Amino acid sequence: MADIHRDCRGLALTAASPEAVEAWDRTVRSYLGMRRDTGDRLKEVYAADADMAMAHCLRGYFMLLFSEAKRWASGRKSLAAAQKAAADRPVTARETAHIAALERWVDGDMAGATALWDGILTDHPHDLLAMRLAHYTHFYSGDSAAMRDSLARIMHAWDPTVPDYGFVAGCYAFALEEDGDYARAEQRGREAVGINPDDPWGTHAVAHVMEMQGRQAEGIAWLSGLEPHWTQVQNFRFHLWWHRSLFHLELGEYDAVLDLYDRGVREEETGDYLDLTNAVALLWRLESEGVDVGDRWAEVAGHCAEHAADLLLAFVDAHYAIALARTGDGAALADHRAGVQNAAQADGTQAPVYRDVAAPVCDAAAAYCDGDYGRAADLLGSVRYDLRRLGGSHAQRDLFVQMQIEATIRAGRTARAKALIAERAERRPTSAWTRRRFTALFGGADGPAGQKAAALG
């Protein structure tokens, strides 16, 4: 027999006992904190209520968040279990909407799932789970305005007196940063970390602000100071190491970057998609600065090849293509290219992204690694204003912006390269990567450009 209970923020939850609800709250909190014990906390929910519909739904969400094809079947099983549980003991309209969102997502309709979560938040702004899932899918849809507004619409219901407010502040901070509102983003992010120093997403949001503003020394100090709080963070701590690596890279401290790569970014040689995209982006950036990365590509490409058939997020596959091309694995690259073409023809939210953006980016990666820099520059140039559709952050997508400029330089298209780097210097004047290339291209020139190169140098 199930009754309606209330979670720690007052939301109605169908569960067998208050103990099951308390276990639910701990699980959601662990998920928002990106903690290693999230799976164990979910097991506690099942121990208290094996037939809780939202527990099955949450397990399904977790399976899909792995973004691995082999987990999709488990996600469908969890959906079926949630639907049966809801039929056996009726649940609330909010819980019904969550189950419907899982069904949309498992069918590839990420946009439909996101719309349902945003709808839940309209009526239930304290639904922390719906907030975080919508945040995730808006992020991987590349829609920073929608990500911002998804949070803005609910902030009226949140303040430090509401349990777990800090997580909401951290998510809002990141959304504001991606939307270019750096001052408010930093304020919200610091507020989140002040409430809970263990919150990696709030930490991450402030690091993004410092990355976009070229505050490398501050960024290193910020992340170094909070590192002791990452001991219970799952693999997202590797992404925080990645951010610190970018700061050192901008400062030209390449030995420090390689050290951070080995003991942080690839501390564990996992096949997780975020870990692999971290590695690909950092290795490419190092090589673009002339750094010898040794045999590190081989390990990363091996994992990319293992997951190249997943084809669930275009952002991820754009990175996999670089690793496969860089190691010269022609067969794996051809298989991946065919998979991208198939994904472009499939149903679902990601299909047009694969067709319009990921396919040319993957072709550009192959051309770049094959030394056909002109083709790479042309392909990346054709999608430069659509890159946001891949999803990910500005800092992550900057890999492809840098690749276009680097390909243009290497193709000997000096006038075009100057135009691109001059454009970038106006948008990212604090970027050391930009300064180095601007100075190389314009150093010694007459007029304003030469003066600017001298000042930047």
Protein backbone atom coordinates (compact mmCIF):
# COMPACT_ATOMS: atom_id res chain seq x y z
CA MET A 1 0.00 0.00 0.00
CA ALA A 2 1.39 3.39 -0.97
CA ASP A 3 0.46 6.74 0.40
CA ILE A 4 1.19 10.30 -0.59
CA HIS A 5 4.09 11.68 1.39
CA ARG A 6 6.05 14.92 1.08
CA ASP A 7 9.70 15.28 0.14
CA CYS A 8 12.01 17.73 1.91
CA ARG A 9 10.70 20.60 -0.23
CA GLY A 10 7.03 19.73 0.20
CA LEU A 11 6.39 17.97 -3.11
CA ALA A 12 3.88 15.11 -3.08
CA LEU A 13 5.58 11.74 -3.62
CA THR A 14 3.92 8.34 -3.90
CA ALA A 15 5.83 6.01 -1.60
CA ALA A 16 5.37 3.21 0.91
CA SER A 17 6.76 5.13 3.88
CA PRO A 18 8.44 8.29 5.09
CA GLU A 19 11.69 6.30 5.15
CA ALA A 20 11.41 5.74 1.39
CA VAL A 21 10.94 9.48 0.84
CA GLU A 22 13.94 10.31 3.02
CA ALA A 23 16.01 7.86 0.96
CA TRP A 24 14.68 9.53 -2.19
CA ASP A 25 15.79 12.95 -0.97
CA ARG A 26 19.28 11.61 -0.24
CA THR A 27 19.47 10.10 -3.72
CA VAL A 28 18.45 13.28 -5.54
CA ARG A 29 20.87 15.29 -3.41
CA SER A 30 23.68 12.86 -4.22
CA TYR A 31 22.87 13.10 -7.94
CA LEU A 32 22.98 16.89 -7.84
CA GLY A 33 26.29 16.70 -5.99
CA MET A 34 27.66 14.30 -8.62
CA ARG A 35 28.68 11.96 -5.84
CA ARG A 36 30.09 8.47 -6.18
CA ASP A 37 27.48 7.09 -3.79
CA THR A 38 24.46 8.01 -5.95
CA GLY A 39 23.84 4.40 -6.97
CA ASP A 40 24.05 3.24 -3.37
CA ARG A 41 21.55 5.89 -2.32
CA LEU A 42 19.11 4.68 -4.98
CA LYS A 43 19.46 1.14 -3.64
CA GLU A 44 18.32 2.50 -0.28
CA VAL A 45 15.15 3.79 -1.93
CA TYR A 46 14.45 0.34 -3.38
CA ALA A 47 15.13 -1.25 0.00
CA ALA A 48 12.48 0.99 1.53
CA ASP A 49 10.01 0.69 -1.36
CA ALA A 50 10.73 -1.80 -4.14
CA ASP A 51 7.67 -0.68 -6.13
CA MET A 52 8.13 3.07 -6.02
CA ALA A 53 7.33 4.41 -9.48
CA MET A 54 9.68 7.38 -9.21
CA ALA A 55 12.54 5.12 -8.13
CA HIS A 56 12.15 3.14 -11.36
CA CYS A 57 11.88 6.39 -13.31
CA LEU A 58 15.02 7.77 -11.69
CA ARG A 59 16.94 4.59 -12.46
CA GLY A 60 15.86 4.97 -16.08
CA TYR A 61 17.08 8.55 -16.14
CA PHE A 62 20.42 7.44 -14.73
CA MET A 63 20.80 4.79 -17.44
CA LEU A 64 20.22 7.34 -20.19
CA LEU A 65 22.58 9.85 -18.62
CA PHE A 66 25.43 7.42 -19.31
CA SER A 67 24.77 8.07 -23.03
CA GLU A 68 25.83 4.54 -23.96
CA ALA A 69 23.79 2.38 -26.31
CA LYS A 70 24.22 -0.67 -24.07
CA ARG A 71 22.44 1.19 -21.23
CA TRP A 72 19.42 2.06 -23.36
CA ALA A 73 17.84 -1.38 -22.88
CA SER A 74 18.12 -0.94 -19.13
CA GLY A 75 16.47 2.44 -19.47
CA ARG A 76 13.55 0.83 -21.29
CA LYS A 77 13.21 -1.81 -18.58
CA SER A 78 13.10 0.89 -15.94
CA LEU A 79 10.44 2.72 -17.95
CA ALA A 80 8.32 -0.43 -18.11
CA ALA A 81 8.75 -0.95 -14.36
CA ALA A 82 7.76 2.66 -13.66
CA GLN A 83 4.67 2.37 -15.86
CA LYS A 84 3.60 -0.87 -14.14
CA ALA A 85 4.17 0.60 -10.68
CA ALA A 86 2.07 3.63 -11.59
CA ALA A 87 -0.71 1.38 -12.88
CA ASP A 88 -0.66 -0.76 -9.74
CA ARG A 89 -0.86 2.20 -7.37
CA PRO A 90 -1.85 5.50 -9.00
CA VAL A 91 0.65 8.34 -8.79
CA THR A 92 0.41 12.11 -8.96
CA ALA A 93 0.18 14.12 -12.17
CA ARG A 94 3.74 15.33 -11.61
CA GLU A 95 5.05 11.76 -11.31
CA THR A 96 3.06 10.76 -14.39
CA ALA A 97 4.75 13.57 -16.31
CA HIS A 98 8.18 12.32 -15.20
CA ILE A 99 7.40 8.84 -16.50
CA ALA A 100 6.20 10.35 -19.79
CA ALA A 101 9.45 12.33 -20.02
CA LEU A 102 11.47 9.15 -19.57
CA GLU A 103 9.46 7.55 -22.37
CA ARG A 104 10.13 10.49 -24.69
CA TRP A 105 13.83 10.44 -23.89
CA VAL A 106 14.29 6.71 -24.34
CA ASP A 107 12.59 7.07 -27.74
CA GLY A 108 15.16 9.69 -28.75
CA ASP A 109 12.83 12.66 -28.33
CA MET A 110 15.10 14.70 -26.09
CA ALA A 111 13.25 17.90 -26.96
CA GLY A 112 9.94 16.34 -25.93
CA ALA A 113 11.39 15.18 -22.62
CA THR A 114 12.80 18.65 -21.99
CA ALA A 115 9.43 20.26 -22.66
CA LEU A 116 7.81 17.95 -20.12
CA TRP A 117 10.41 18.77 -17.45
CA ASP A 118 9.98 22.48 -18.07
CA GLY A 119 6.23 21.95 -17.84
CA ILE A 120 6.64 20.20 -14.50
CA LEU A 121 8.66 23.16 -13.26
CA THR A 122 5.91 25.59 -14.21
CA ASP A 123 3.60 23.95 -11.69
CA HIS A 124 6.23 22.60 -9.32
CA PRO A 125 9.26 24.93 -9.27
CA HIS A 126 10.76 22.98 -6.35
CA ASP A 127 11.17 19.81 -8.42
CA LEU A 128 14.95 19.60 -8.17
CA LEU A 129 15.12 16.51 -10.41
CA ALA A 130 13.16 18.11 -13.26
CA MET A 131 15.33 21.22 -12.92
CA ARG A 132 18.60 19.32 -13.25
CA LEU A 133 17.46 17.11 -16.11
CA ALA A 134 16.14 20.06 -18.12
CA HIS A 135 19.43 21.82 -17.42
CA TYR A 136 21.30 18.82 -18.85
CA THR A 137 19.26 18.51 -22.03
CA HIS A 138 19.18 22.26 -22.71
CA PHE A 139 22.97 22.15 -22.35
CA TYR A 140 23.41 19.31 -24.84
CA SER A 141 21.01 21.04 -27.21
CA GLY A 142 23.26 24.10 -27.26
CA ASP A 143 20.41 26.41 -26.32
CA SER A 144 21.90 28.71 -23.70
CA ALA A 145 18.90 31.07 -23.70
CA ALA A 146 16.50 28.21 -22.98
CA MET A 147 18.86 26.88 -20.30
CA ARG A 148 18.94 30.33 -18.69
CA ASP A 149 15.20 30.83 -18.86
CA SER A 150 14.42 27.35 -17.55
CA LEU A 151 16.15 28.45 -14.32
CA ALA A 152 14.96 32.06 -14.38
CA ARG A 153 11.32 30.96 -14.38
CA ILE A 154 11.71 29.13 -11.07
CA MET A 155 14.07 31.38 -9.13
CA HIS A 156 11.11 33.18 -7.54
CA ALA A 157 10.45 30.00 -5.54
CA TRP A 158 14.00 29.52 -4.28
CA ASP A 159 16.08 31.15 -1.58
CA PRO A 160 18.59 29.90 0.99
CA THR A 161 15.76 28.73 3.27
CA VAL A 162 14.66 26.08 0.75
CA PRO A 163 16.57 22.79 1.09
CA ASP A 164 19.26 22.34 -1.58
CA TYR A 165 18.97 25.90 -2.87
CA GLY A 166 22.73 25.93 -3.44
CA PHE A 167 22.44 23.39 -6.26
CA VAL A 168 19.89 25.59 -8.02
CA ALA A 169 22.12 28.65 -7.63
CA GLY A 170 25.02 26.67 -9.13
CA CYS A 171 22.97 25.61 -12.14
CA TYR A 172 21.70 29.15 -12.64
CA ALA A 173 25.28 30.39 -12.45
CA PHE A 174 26.33 28.10 -15.27
CA ALA A 175 23.33 29.06 -17.39
CA LEU A 176 24.13 32.75 -16.89
CA GLU A 177 27.77 32.15 -17.85
CA GLU A 178 26.83 30.38 -21.07
CA ASP A 179 24.51 33.28 -21.85
CA GLY A 180 27.41 35.73 -21.40
CA ASP A 181 26.24 37.33 -18.15
CA TYR A 182 29.58 36.80 -16.42
CA ALA A 183 29.14 39.13 -13.46
CA ARG A 184 25.87 37.59 -12.28
CA ALA A 185 27.14 34.11 -13.10
CA GLU A 186 30.15 34.53 -10.86
CA GLN A 187 28.01 35.98 -8.06
CA ARG A 188 25.60 33.04 -8.18
CA GLY A 189 28.40 30.51 -8.49
CA ARG A 190 30.28 31.86 -5.52
CA GLU A 191 27.02 31.89 -3.58
CA ALA A 192 26.47 28.21 -4.42
CA VAL A 193 29.97 27.22 -3.35
CA GLY A 194 29.68 29.34 -0.22
CA ILE A 195 26.59 27.36 0.76
CA ASN A 196 28.14 24.02 -0.19
CA PRO A 197 31.85 23.83 -1.08
CA ASP A 198 31.29 20.22 -2.16
CA ASP A 199 29.10 21.36 -5.09
CA PRO A 200 31.21 20.64 -8.19
CA TRP A 201 28.78 22.29 -10.61
CA GLY A 202 28.91 25.61 -8.80
CA THR A 203 32.70 25.34 -8.71
CA HIS A 204 32.62 24.58 -12.43
CA ALA A 205 30.41 27.57 -13.24
CA VAL A 206 32.88 30.04 -11.71
CA ALA A 207 35.78 28.31 -13.50
CA HIS A 208 33.93 28.87 -16.78
CA VAL A 209 33.60 32.58 -16.05
CA MET A 210 37.33 32.83 -15.41
CA GLU A 211 38.08 30.86 -18.59
CA MET A 212 35.96 33.16 -20.73
CA GLN A 213 37.50 36.26 -19.14
CA GLY A 214 41.10 35.05 -19.43
CA ARG A 215 41.69 35.03 -15.66
CA GLN A 216 44.10 32.12 -15.70
CA ALA A 217 45.90 32.67 -12.38
CA GLU A 218 42.61 33.20 -10.56
CA GLY A 219 41.18 30.11 -12.18
CA ILE A 220 44.07 27.95 -11.03
CA ALA A 221 43.79 29.32 -7.50
CA TRP A 222 40.00 28.83 -7.47
CA LEU A 223 40.16 25.19 -8.51
CA SER A 224 43.23 24.37 -6.43
CA GLY A 225 41.59 25.77 -3.32
CA LEU A 226 38.46 23.66 -3.79
CA GLU A 227 40.17 20.44 -4.87
CA PRO A 228 39.96 18.88 -1.36
CA HIS A 229 36.15 18.90 -1.77
CA TRP A 230 36.24 16.60 -4.82
CA THR A 231 37.11 13.37 -3.01
CA GLN A 232 33.53 12.08 -3.20
CA VAL A 233 32.82 13.45 -6.69
CA GLN A 234 32.50 10.86 -9.44
CA ASN A 235 34.26 11.29 -12.77
CA PHE A 236 33.20 14.93 -13.05
CA ARG A 237 36.32 15.71 -11.01
CA PHE A 238 38.31 14.81 -14.15
CA HIS A 239 36.47 17.61 -15.96
CA LEU A 240 37.47 20.05 -13.23
CA TRP A 241 41.06 18.93 -13.78
CA TRP A 242 40.48 19.63 -17.49
CA HIS A 243 39.47 23.20 -16.68
CA ARG A 244 42.58 23.71 -14.60
CA SER A 245 44.62 22.29 -17.50
CA LEU A 246 43.15 24.92 -19.84
CA PHE A 247 44.35 27.69 -17.53
CA HIS A 248 47.90 26.29 -17.51
CA LEU A 249 47.73 25.78 -21.29
CA GLU A 250 46.87 29.44 -21.82
CA LEU A 251 49.88 30.38 -19.69
CA GLY A 252 52.14 28.19 -21.85
CA GLU A 253 52.87 25.85 -18.92
CA TYR A 254 52.83 22.71 -21.02
CA ASP A 255 54.68 20.42 -18.61
CA ALA A 256 52.06 21.26 -15.98
CA VAL A 257 49.31 20.40 -18.47
CA LEU A 258 50.82 17.02 -19.29
CA ASP A 259 51.19 16.29 -15.59
CA LEU A 260 47.57 17.25 -14.94
CA TYR A 261 46.48 15.14 -17.90
CA ASP A 262 48.16 12.03 -16.53
CA ARG A 263 47.24 12.36 -12.86
CA GLY A 264 43.92 14.15 -13.22
CA VAL A 265 42.17 14.26 -16.58
CA ARG A 266 43.05 10.61 -17.31
CA GLU A 267 43.62 9.53 -13.72
CA GLU A 268 41.36 6.62 -14.66
CA GLU A 269 41.42 5.45 -18.26
CA THR A 270 37.65 5.27 -18.52
CA GLY A 271 35.38 5.07 -21.53
CA ASP A 272 32.93 7.65 -20.19
CA TYR A 273 31.98 10.13 -22.89
CA LEU A 274 32.80 13.22 -20.84
CA ASP A 275 36.19 11.80 -19.88
CA LEU A 276 36.98 11.04 -23.51
CA THR A 277 35.91 14.44 -24.79
CA ASN A 278 38.11 16.03 -22.10
CA ALA A 279 41.08 14.03 -23.31
CA VAL A 280 40.52 14.62 -27.02
CA ALA A 281 40.12 18.36 -26.60
CA LEU A 282 43.20 18.70 -24.42
CA LEU A 283 45.49 16.55 -26.57
CA TRP A 284 44.50 18.44 -29.71
CA ARG A 285 45.11 21.79 -28.05
CA LEU A 286 48.53 20.65 -26.81
CA GLU A 287 49.57 19.49 -30.28
CA SER A 288 48.35 22.73 -31.83
CA GLU A 289 50.93 24.45 -29.61
CA GLY A 290 53.65 22.11 -30.84
CA VAL A 291 53.73 19.90 -27.74
CA ASP A 292 54.69 16.24 -28.15
CA VAL A 293 51.98 14.23 -26.37
CA GLY A 294 53.71 10.90 -26.86
CA ASP A 295 51.49 7.85 -27.22
CA ARG A 296 48.54 9.27 -25.29
CA TRP A 297 46.29 9.36 -28.35
CA ALA A 298 46.31 5.57 -28.71
CA GLU A 299 44.70 4.94 -25.32
CA VAL A 300 41.98 7.53 -25.90
CA ALA A 301 41.24 6.44 -29.46
CA GLY A 302 40.86 2.84 -28.31
CA HIS A 303 38.04 3.83 -25.97
CA CYS A 304 36.49 6.08 -28.63
CA ALA A 305 36.42 3.16 -31.05
CA GLU A 306 34.64 1.04 -28.44
CA HIS A 307 31.89 3.64 -28.12
CA ALA A 308 31.81 4.90 -31.70
CA ALA A 309 28.59 2.99 -32.41
CA ASP A 310 26.66 4.60 -29.53
CA LEU A 311 25.76 7.70 -31.60
CA LEU A 312 23.52 9.33 -29.01
CA LEU A 313 25.03 12.81 -28.68
CA ALA A 314 26.45 14.65 -31.69
CA PHE A 315 28.78 16.63 -29.44
CA VAL A 316 30.48 13.44 -28.32
CA ASP A 317 30.88 11.99 -31.80
CA ALA A 318 32.53 15.14 -33.09
CA HIS A 319 35.26 14.47 -30.53
CA TYR A 320 35.49 10.74 -31.23
CA ALA A 321 36.14 11.51 -34.90
CA ILE A 322 39.22 13.54 -33.99
CA ALA A 323 40.74 10.71 -31.95
CA LEU A 324 40.05 8.08 -34.60
CA ALA A 325 41.46 10.29 -37.36
CA ARG A 326 44.48 11.30 -35.31
CA THR A 327 45.55 7.68 -34.79
CA GLY A 328 44.99 6.81 -38.43
CA ASP A 329 42.51 4.02 -37.71
CA GLY A 330 40.94 4.11 -41.16
CA ALA A 331 38.55 1.22 -40.61
CA ALA A 332 37.23 2.58 -37.31
CA LEU A 333 36.95 6.05 -38.81
CA ALA A 334 35.01 4.75 -41.82
CA ASP A 335 32.64 2.80 -39.56
CA HIS A 336 32.11 5.86 -37.41
CA ARG A 337 31.48 8.03 -40.44
CA ALA A 338 28.84 5.57 -41.68
CA GLY A 339 27.28 5.56 -38.23
CA VAL A 340 27.09 9.35 -38.21
CA GLN A 341 25.33 9.25 -41.58
CA ASN A 342 22.84 6.70 -40.23
CA ALA A 343 22.26 8.81 -37.13
CA ALA A 344 21.57 11.77 -39.40
CA GLN A 345 18.74 9.82 -41.05
CA ALA A 346 17.20 8.46 -37.85
CA ASP A 347 14.28 9.81 -35.90
CA GLY A 348 14.76 11.91 -32.81
CA THR A 349 16.04 15.26 -31.66
CA GLN A 350 19.71 14.65 -32.45
CA ALA A 351 19.24 13.52 -36.08
CA PRO A 352 19.27 17.00 -37.69
CA VAL A 353 22.26 17.93 -35.53
CA TYR A 354 24.17 14.95 -36.87
CA ARG A 355 23.13 15.81 -40.43
CA ASP A 356 23.75 19.54 -40.39
CA VAL A 357 26.68 19.92 -37.99
CA ALA A 358 28.31 16.74 -36.72
CA ALA A 359 28.79 15.17 -40.16
CA PRO A 360 30.80 18.09 -41.59
CA VAL A 361 32.74 18.48 -38.33
CA CYS A 362 33.68 14.79 -38.38
CA ASP A 363 34.77 15.12 -42.03
CA ALA A 364 36.79 18.20 -41.10
CA ALA A 365 38.56 16.28 -38.33
CA ALA A 366 39.53 13.56 -40.79
CA ALA A 367 40.76 16.11 -43.33
CA TYR A 368 42.75 18.02 -40.72
CA CYS A 369 44.50 14.93 -39.42
CA ASP A 370 45.21 13.87 -43.01
CA GLY A 371 46.89 17.20 -43.73
CA ASP A 372 44.14 18.47 -46.02
CA TYR A 373 43.90 21.76 -44.16
CA GLY A 374 42.04 23.63 -46.87
CA ARG A 375 39.18 21.12 -46.84
CA ALA A 376 39.11 21.14 -43.05
CA ALA A 377 38.92 24.94 -43.00
CA ASP A 378 36.12 24.93 -45.60
CA LEU A 379 34.05 22.33 -43.74
CA LEU A 380 34.41 24.03 -40.38
CA GLY A 381 33.74 27.40 -41.96
CA SER A 382 30.48 26.08 -43.38
CA VAL A 383 29.12 25.30 -39.90
CA ARG A 384 30.86 27.93 -37.77
CA TYR A 385 27.61 29.64 -36.84
CA ASP A 386 25.85 26.34 -36.17
CA LEU A 387 28.43 24.81 -33.81
CA ARG A 388 26.32 25.69 -30.78
CA ARG A 389 23.79 23.09 -31.96
CA LEU A 390 26.30 20.39 -31.04
CA GLY A 391 25.72 21.25 -27.40
CA GLY A 392 28.40 21.53 -24.78
CA SER A 393 29.81 24.78 -23.46
CA HIS A 394 31.49 27.69 -25.22
CA ALA A 395 34.80 26.51 -23.75
CA GLN A 396 34.29 22.99 -25.10
CA ARG A 397 33.13 24.04 -28.57
CA ASP A 398 36.09 26.40 -28.80
CA LEU A 399 38.06 23.33 -29.86
CA PHE A 400 36.37 23.48 -33.26
CA VAL A 401 36.76 27.25 -33.53
CA GLN A 402 40.47 26.91 -32.89
CA MET A 403 40.70 24.04 -35.37
CA GLN A 404 39.17 26.17 -38.13
CA ILE A 405 41.65 28.98 -37.52
CA GLU A 406 44.59 26.59 -37.25
CA ALA A 407 43.55 24.81 -40.45
CA THR A 408 43.25 28.14 -42.25
CA ILE A 409 46.75 29.15 -41.15
CA ARG A 410 48.24 25.81 -42.18
CA ALA A 411 46.47 25.95 -45.53
CA GLY A 412 48.40 29.15 -46.26
CA ARG A 413 45.26 31.27 -46.49
CA THR A 414 46.88 34.20 -44.76
CA ALA A 415 44.27 36.85 -45.50
CA ARG A 416 41.46 34.63 -44.26
CA ALA A 417 43.45 33.60 -41.21
CA LYS A 418 44.09 37.24 -40.35
CA ALA A 419 40.39 38.00 -40.69
CA LEU A 420 39.41 35.13 -38.40
CA ILE A 421 41.96 35.86 -35.73
CA ALA A 422 41.13 39.59 -35.81
CA GLU A 423 37.48 38.71 -35.30
CA ARG A 424 38.37 36.45 -32.41
CA ALA A 425 40.60 39.10 -30.84
CA GLU A 426 37.59 41.38 -30.61
CA ARG A 427 35.47 38.69 -28.95
CA ARG A 428 38.14 37.02 -26.78
CA PRO A 429 40.79 39.73 -26.22
CA THR A 430 42.02 38.08 -23.01
CA SER A 431 42.73 34.72 -24.66
CA ALA A 432 46.44 33.91 -24.72
CA TRP A 433 45.86 31.47 -27.61
CA THR A 434 44.38 34.35 -29.58
CA ARG A 435 47.19 36.74 -28.66
CA ARG A 436 49.88 34.31 -29.80
CA ARG A 437 48.33 33.84 -33.21
CA PHE A 438 47.40 37.48 -33.67
CA THR A 439 50.99 38.48 -32.96
CA ALA A 440 52.33 35.82 -35.33
CA LEU A 441 50.04 36.94 -38.14
CA PHE A 442 50.17 40.72 -37.68
CA GLY A 443 53.54 41.29 -36.00
CA GLY A 444 55.54 43.88 -37.94
CA ALA A 445 52.51 45.10 -39.88
CA ASP A 446 51.91 48.81 -40.37
CA GLY A 447 48.97 50.67 -38.93
CA PRO A 448 46.51 49.69 -36.18
CA ALA A 449 46.94 45.94 -36.65
CA GLY A 450 50.68 46.13 -36.14
CA GLN A 451 50.24 48.36 -33.11
CA LYS A 452 47.74 45.91 -31.63
CA ALA A 453 50.08 42.96 -32.30
CA ALA A 454 52.88 44.79 -30.52
CA ALA A 455 50.62 45.56 -27.57
CA LEU A 456 49.34 41.99 -27.34
CA GLY A 457 52.83 40.52 -27.66
